[in-house]
Protein backbone atom coordinates (compact mmCIF):
# COMPACT_ATOMS: atom_id res chain seq x y z
CA UNK A 1 77.40 134.30 64.86
CA UNK A 2 81.17 134.98 65.30
CA UNK A 3 83.48 132.16 66.40
CA UNK A 4 86.44 132.70 68.72
CA UNK A 5 89.50 130.49 68.30
CA UNK A 6 92.78 130.57 70.19
CA UNK A 7 95.71 128.31 71.03
CA UNK A 8 98.00 128.23 74.05
CA UNK A 9 101.02 126.09 74.76
CA UNK A 10 103.34 125.77 77.75
CA UNK A 11 106.12 123.34 78.54
CA UNK A 12 106.37 121.44 81.80
CA UNK A 13 108.59 122.12 84.80
CA UNK A 14 110.70 119.80 86.94
CA UNK A 15 111.50 121.01 90.45
CA UNK A 16 114.82 119.68 91.73
CA UNK A 17 114.83 121.43 95.12
CA UNK A 18 112.56 123.91 96.85
CA UNK A 19 111.19 125.51 100.00
CA UNK A 20 107.55 125.86 101.05
CA UNK A 21 106.95 129.60 101.43
CA UNK A 22 103.26 129.92 102.24
CA UNK A 23 103.27 131.95 105.46
CA UNK A 24 101.36 134.87 103.93
CA UNK A 25 97.57 134.79 103.68
CA UNK A 26 97.88 136.39 100.23
CA UNK A 27 98.36 133.73 97.52
CA UNK A 28 100.26 136.28 95.43
CA UNK A 29 103.03 136.26 98.05
CA UNK A 30 103.06 132.48 98.45
CA UNK A 31 105.40 130.25 96.48
CA UNK A 32 108.86 128.77 96.87
CA UNK A 33 112.55 129.35 96.56
CA UNK A 34 114.32 126.67 94.59
CA UNK A 35 115.69 125.51 91.26
CA UNK A 36 114.68 123.24 88.41
CA UNK A 37 114.26 122.64 84.70
CA UNK A 38 111.63 124.01 82.35
CA UNK A 39 111.17 121.49 79.52
CA UNK A 40 109.76 121.72 76.01
CA UNK A 41 106.99 119.15 76.38
CA UNK A 42 103.93 120.12 78.39
CA UNK A 43 100.37 121.16 77.61
CA UNK A 44 98.65 122.41 74.45
CA UNK A 45 95.19 123.96 74.75
CA UNK A 46 92.88 125.04 71.92
CA UNK A 47 89.87 127.13 72.90
CA UNK A 48 86.84 127.59 70.66
CA UNK A 49 83.94 129.81 71.63
CA UNK A 50 80.68 131.25 70.40
CA UNK A 51 78.62 134.13 71.72
CA UNK A 52 75.88 133.14 74.10
CA UNK A 53 77.85 132.19 77.23
CA UNK A 54 78.68 131.55 79.92
CA UNK A 55 79.71 127.92 79.57
CA UNK A 56 82.73 125.63 79.31
CA UNK A 57 83.21 122.10 77.97
CA UNK A 58 86.62 120.52 78.63
CA UNK A 59 87.90 117.66 76.46
CA UNK A 60 91.21 115.86 76.89
CA UNK A 61 93.00 114.38 73.89
CA UNK A 62 94.62 110.97 74.47
CA UNK A 63 94.59 111.33 78.28
CA UNK A 64 92.41 112.00 81.30
CA UNK A 65 92.85 114.79 83.84
CA UNK A 66 90.88 117.07 86.14
CA UNK A 67 88.61 119.44 84.18
CA UNK A 68 87.99 121.67 87.21
CA UNK A 69 91.48 123.17 86.78
CA UNK A 70 90.35 124.72 83.49
CA UNK A 71 87.05 125.82 84.99
CA UNK A 72 88.97 127.65 87.72
CA UNK A 73 91.20 129.35 85.14
CA UNK A 74 88.20 130.59 83.19
CA UNK A 75 86.52 131.77 86.40
CA UNK A 76 89.48 133.97 87.35
CA UNK A 77 89.82 135.27 83.79
CA UNK A 78 86.19 136.36 83.77
CA UNK A 79 86.81 138.38 86.94
CA UNK A 80 89.58 140.32 85.17
CA UNK A 81 88.23 140.33 81.60
CA UNK A 82 84.41 140.20 81.91
CA UNK A 83 83.81 139.84 78.17
CA UNK A 84 85.37 136.35 78.32
CA UNK A 85 82.28 135.30 80.25
CA UNK A 86 79.96 136.30 77.39
CA UNK A 87 81.21 133.33 75.36
CA UNK A 88 80.26 129.65 75.45
CA UNK A 89 83.61 127.84 75.39
CA UNK A 90 84.99 124.46 74.43
CA UNK A 91 88.63 123.74 75.22
CA UNK A 92 90.62 120.77 73.92
CA UNK A 93 93.65 119.89 76.02
CA UNK A 94 96.58 117.69 74.98
CA UNK A 95 98.95 116.53 77.74
CA UNK A 96 102.43 115.44 76.65
CA UNK A 97 103.33 114.33 80.19
CA UNK A 98 101.37 112.65 83.00
CA UNK A 99 99.84 114.59 85.89
CA UNK A 100 100.84 114.11 89.55
CA UNK A 101 104.36 113.04 88.60
CA UNK A 102 106.39 116.17 89.33
CA UNK A 103 106.25 117.68 85.84
CA UNK A 104 104.31 120.86 86.71
CA UNK A 105 101.39 119.91 84.50
CA UNK A 106 98.75 121.80 86.48
CA UNK A 107 100.72 125.03 86.21
CA UNK A 108 101.50 124.36 82.56
CA UNK A 109 97.86 123.55 81.83
CA UNK A 110 96.61 126.69 83.58
CA UNK A 111 99.02 128.88 81.62
CA UNK A 112 98.20 127.24 78.27
CA UNK A 113 94.44 127.51 78.87
CA UNK A 114 94.60 131.15 80.00
CA UNK A 115 96.57 131.98 76.86
CA UNK A 116 94.16 130.10 74.59
CA UNK A 117 91.12 131.96 75.95
CA UNK A 118 92.80 135.35 75.66
CA UNK A 119 94.17 134.76 72.18
CA UNK A 120 90.70 133.71 71.07
CA UNK A 121 89.43 137.08 72.32
CA UNK A 122 92.20 138.94 70.47
CA UNK A 123 93.76 140.47 73.58
CA UNK A 124 97.27 142.00 73.33
CA UNK A 125 100.08 139.46 73.59
CA UNK A 126 102.21 140.93 76.40
CA UNK A 127 99.19 141.75 78.53
CA UNK A 128 97.80 138.25 77.95
CA UNK A 129 101.08 136.57 78.78
CA UNK A 130 101.44 138.38 82.09
CA UNK A 131 97.82 137.64 82.97
CA UNK A 132 98.40 133.94 82.16
CA UNK A 133 101.13 133.71 84.80
CA UNK A 134 99.15 135.76 87.31
CA UNK A 135 95.98 133.67 86.92
CA UNK A 136 97.83 130.34 86.82
CA UNK A 137 99.75 131.09 90.01
CA UNK A 138 96.59 131.95 91.94
CA UNK A 139 94.79 128.87 90.63
CA UNK A 140 97.73 126.69 91.71
CA UNK A 141 97.75 128.13 95.21
CA UNK A 142 93.97 127.83 95.61
CA UNK A 143 94.15 124.16 94.63
CA UNK A 144 97.44 123.33 96.45
CA UNK A 145 98.72 121.78 93.24
CA UNK A 146 101.93 123.78 93.10
CA UNK A 147 104.09 126.46 94.68
CA UNK A 148 106.73 127.79 92.33
CA UNK A 149 106.05 126.11 88.99
CA UNK A 150 104.41 129.17 87.43
CA UNK A 151 107.14 131.57 88.56
CA UNK A 152 109.72 129.12 87.21
CA UNK A 153 107.92 128.87 83.86
CA UNK A 154 107.80 132.67 83.66
CA UNK A 155 111.62 132.57 83.65
CA UNK A 156 112.20 129.48 81.50
CA UNK A 157 115.25 127.32 80.91
CA UNK A 158 117.30 126.09 83.87
CA UNK A 159 115.79 128.29 86.54
CA UNK A 160 116.40 129.43 90.08
CA UNK A 161 113.68 131.09 92.16
CA UNK A 162 115.17 133.83 94.31
CA UNK A 163 112.02 135.42 95.75
CA UNK A 164 108.79 133.54 96.48
CA UNK A 165 105.49 134.69 95.01
CA UNK A 166 103.61 135.24 91.76
CA UNK A 167 105.68 136.53 88.83
CA UNK A 168 103.03 139.19 88.04
CA UNK A 169 100.15 140.60 90.07
CA UNK A 170 97.38 143.16 90.28
CA UNK A 171 95.17 144.93 87.79
CA UNK A 172 98.21 146.50 86.08
CA UNK A 173 100.04 143.13 85.95
CA UNK A 174 103.18 144.55 87.53
CA UNK A 175 106.34 142.49 88.09
CA UNK A 176 106.63 140.35 91.19
CA UNK A 177 106.70 139.79 94.03
CA UNK A 178 108.08 136.44 92.81
CA UNK A 179 111.42 136.60 91.03
CA UNK A 180 113.22 133.90 89.04
CA UNK A 181 115.91 133.79 86.38
CA UNK A 182 117.04 131.18 83.90
CA UNK A 183 119.56 130.16 81.28
CA UNK A 184 119.35 127.60 78.49
CA UNK A 185 121.42 125.79 75.87
CA UNK A 186 119.01 123.19 74.51
CA UNK A 187 120.14 120.53 76.97
CA UNK A 188 118.53 117.11 76.33
CA UNK A 189 116.50 115.55 79.16
CA UNK A 190 114.91 112.11 79.51
CA UNK A 191 111.95 112.06 81.88
CA UNK A 192 110.98 108.67 83.34
CA UNK A 193 108.20 107.76 85.74
CA UNK A 194 106.28 104.90 87.25
CA UNK A 195 103.14 104.03 85.27
CA UNK A 196 100.86 104.64 88.26
CA UNK A 197 100.06 108.20 89.37
CA UNK A 198 102.24 109.70 92.08
CA UNK A 199 101.22 111.30 95.36
CA UNK A 200 99.35 114.59 95.15
CA UNK A 201 101.51 117.66 95.81
CA UNK A 202 99.16 118.87 98.57
CA UNK A 203 100.01 115.76 100.59
CA UNK A 204 103.45 117.28 101.13
CA UNK A 205 103.08 121.06 101.04
CA UNK A 206 100.02 121.06 103.32
CA UNK A 207 101.68 118.76 105.86
CA UNK A 208 103.50 120.57 108.70
CA UNK A 209 106.22 117.93 109.14
CA UNK A 210 106.99 117.68 105.43
CA UNK A 211 106.96 121.48 105.06
CA UNK A 212 109.59 121.78 107.79
CA UNK A 213 111.96 119.13 106.45
CA UNK A 214 111.55 120.25 102.84
CA UNK A 215 112.05 123.95 103.61
CA UNK A 216 115.11 123.38 105.81
CA UNK A 217 116.75 121.21 103.15
CA UNK A 218 115.80 123.60 100.34
CA UNK A 219 117.00 126.70 102.19
CA UNK A 220 120.36 125.02 102.85
CA UNK A 221 120.96 124.37 99.15
CA UNK A 222 119.66 127.78 98.06
CA UNK A 223 122.21 129.51 100.31
CA UNK A 224 124.86 128.68 97.73
CA UNK A 225 122.76 128.43 94.59
CA UNK A 226 121.45 131.98 95.12
CA UNK A 227 124.94 133.48 95.01
CA UNK A 228 126.82 134.51 91.86
CA UNK A 229 125.93 134.47 88.19
CA UNK A 230 123.37 131.93 87.00
CA UNK A 231 124.67 130.25 83.84
CA UNK A 232 126.03 126.98 82.43
CA UNK A 233 128.93 127.00 84.89
CA UNK A 234 126.43 126.21 87.71
CA UNK A 235 125.15 122.97 86.15
CA UNK A 236 127.21 120.46 88.14
CA UNK A 237 126.58 122.47 91.30
CA UNK A 238 122.84 122.25 90.66
CA UNK A 239 123.07 118.48 90.19
CA UNK A 240 124.96 118.11 93.48
CA UNK A 241 122.44 120.34 95.26
CA UNK A 242 119.53 118.31 93.87
CA UNK A 243 120.99 115.05 95.20
CA UNK A 244 121.70 116.59 98.62
CA UNK A 245 118.18 118.06 98.84
CA UNK A 246 116.53 114.73 98.01
CA UNK A 247 118.40 113.02 100.83
CA UNK A 248 118.27 115.78 103.46
CA UNK A 249 114.55 116.45 102.98
CA UNK A 250 113.60 112.80 103.45
CA UNK A 251 111.89 112.72 100.04
CA UNK A 252 114.41 110.23 98.66
CA UNK A 253 113.16 107.52 101.03
CA UNK A 254 109.47 108.37 100.67
CA UNK A 255 107.24 106.68 98.04
CA UNK A 256 110.03 104.17 97.24
CA UNK A 257 112.03 106.88 95.46
CA UNK A 258 115.29 105.19 96.48
CA UNK A 259 114.33 102.16 94.40
CA UNK A 260 113.23 104.40 91.52
CA UNK A 261 116.52 106.31 91.50
CA UNK A 262 118.48 103.07 91.74
CA UNK A 263 116.61 101.64 88.75
CA UNK A 264 117.40 104.68 86.60
CA UNK A 265 121.03 104.78 87.74
CA UNK A 266 121.45 101.09 86.95
CA UNK A 267 120.11 101.65 83.42
CA UNK A 268 122.64 104.46 82.97
CA UNK A 269 125.44 102.19 84.28
CA UNK A 270 124.56 99.23 82.10
CA UNK A 271 124.31 101.50 79.06
CA UNK A 272 127.90 102.63 79.62
CA UNK A 273 126.93 106.25 80.32
CA UNK A 274 127.93 106.58 83.97
CA UNK A 275 130.30 109.47 83.22
CA UNK A 276 128.00 111.13 80.68
CA UNK A 277 124.62 111.17 82.46
CA UNK A 278 122.98 111.30 85.86
CA UNK A 279 119.46 110.70 87.22
CA UNK A 280 117.83 113.38 89.40
CA UNK A 281 114.59 113.01 91.35
CA UNK A 282 111.67 115.16 90.21
CA UNK A 283 109.81 116.86 93.03
CA UNK A 284 107.21 115.82 94.00
CA UNK A 285 106.48 112.93 91.69
CA UNK A 286 107.64 109.35 91.48
CA UNK A 287 109.85 110.23 88.56
CA UNK A 288 113.39 111.09 87.50
CA UNK A 289 115.06 113.43 85.05
CA UNK A 290 118.10 111.91 83.33
CA UNK A 291 120.44 114.70 82.25
CA UNK A 292 123.91 114.90 80.68
CA UNK A 293 126.83 115.92 82.87
CA UNK A 294 127.70 118.49 80.19
CA UNK A 295 124.70 120.80 79.63
CA UNK A 296 126.05 121.95 76.27
CA UNK A 297 126.17 118.42 74.85
CA UNK A 298 123.09 118.56 72.61
CA UNK A 299 123.78 115.10 71.13
CA UNK A 300 124.59 113.18 74.29
CA UNK A 301 123.03 109.88 73.25
CA UNK A 302 120.42 110.08 76.01
CA UNK A 303 117.70 108.96 73.59
CA UNK A 304 119.19 105.45 73.69
CA UNK A 305 118.16 105.25 77.35
CA UNK A 306 114.43 105.56 76.60
CA UNK A 307 113.85 101.92 75.52
CA UNK A 308 116.14 100.69 78.31
CA UNK A 309 114.17 102.58 80.95
CA UNK A 310 110.93 101.23 79.53
CA UNK A 311 112.32 97.70 79.64
CA UNK A 312 113.08 98.33 83.33
CA UNK A 313 109.37 99.07 83.92
CA UNK A 314 109.30 102.85 83.63
CA UNK A 315 107.52 105.04 81.12
CA UNK A 316 109.75 107.69 79.56
CA UNK A 317 110.03 110.49 77.03
CA UNK A 318 112.87 112.41 75.42
CA UNK A 319 112.59 116.19 75.73
CA UNK A 320 114.86 119.22 76.14
CA UNK A 321 115.32 122.18 78.43
CA UNK A 322 113.01 124.88 77.13
CA UNK A 323 113.77 128.38 75.93
CA UNK A 324 113.71 131.44 78.15
CA UNK A 325 110.23 132.90 78.51
């Protein structure tokens, strides 16, 4: 009996500012405008299958998460590639970052799983990649776990989302309607978060009051971030926009984020890096991204902040801005 084996991997995504663009009844047209960071660390998925399906067993390595995400991914894949449903699957998932902390792990996990299943079946790479983003976006919208993470990950690097929606759609996997673009220069990033899980994304994006305040604040910042070339010269402008969005949207004061940001900023100050680094809130977790003020400084000394942040009661990891997709 033949065995099918495939691996998928996708880095995480940190949203720094965004709008809630879900007016359409079509999930393909839902999403967000905004900007953020795609990072190297995320989700690895290894799928193993044997003929005699359907079936799926989900196992998490060194962490716990929601297995129904991966069931939903497989369900949508079977609708588009029926032969995937003729296999009894086992998928092993390794999470490098926690869920529900603003790191885009549901979108990353959906992409990695969709790629693992398709690679195991020997499907063409470009077709599989586009289908990964298409499937992951629709799964995210159905579950209210994300808006623009998948479109951002389809761009990669330091990204801005200029048109809301899925990055690919339809049977022919055509471009859009979502559109994003990115740049990258291997910028180091320290991610830090509270040990307890954050608030679920749906608690914000499905709430009318939060949608209004978030979208108004995000649209204001995107008015200037959407103009001009998108490259390293926009880094400090992005940092300023992220701080303004956090305050204007009301998210800074929710879930004790003010205290969280103050803790990270104090660690930076005490470490003598006030001019070299800054802490930005990750949306929508209870977490921060500590980044260098110079995006091209690949050896900024940020790694020294990891033990200091942990001593201050936060969990943390050193990563980098990912490559373009």
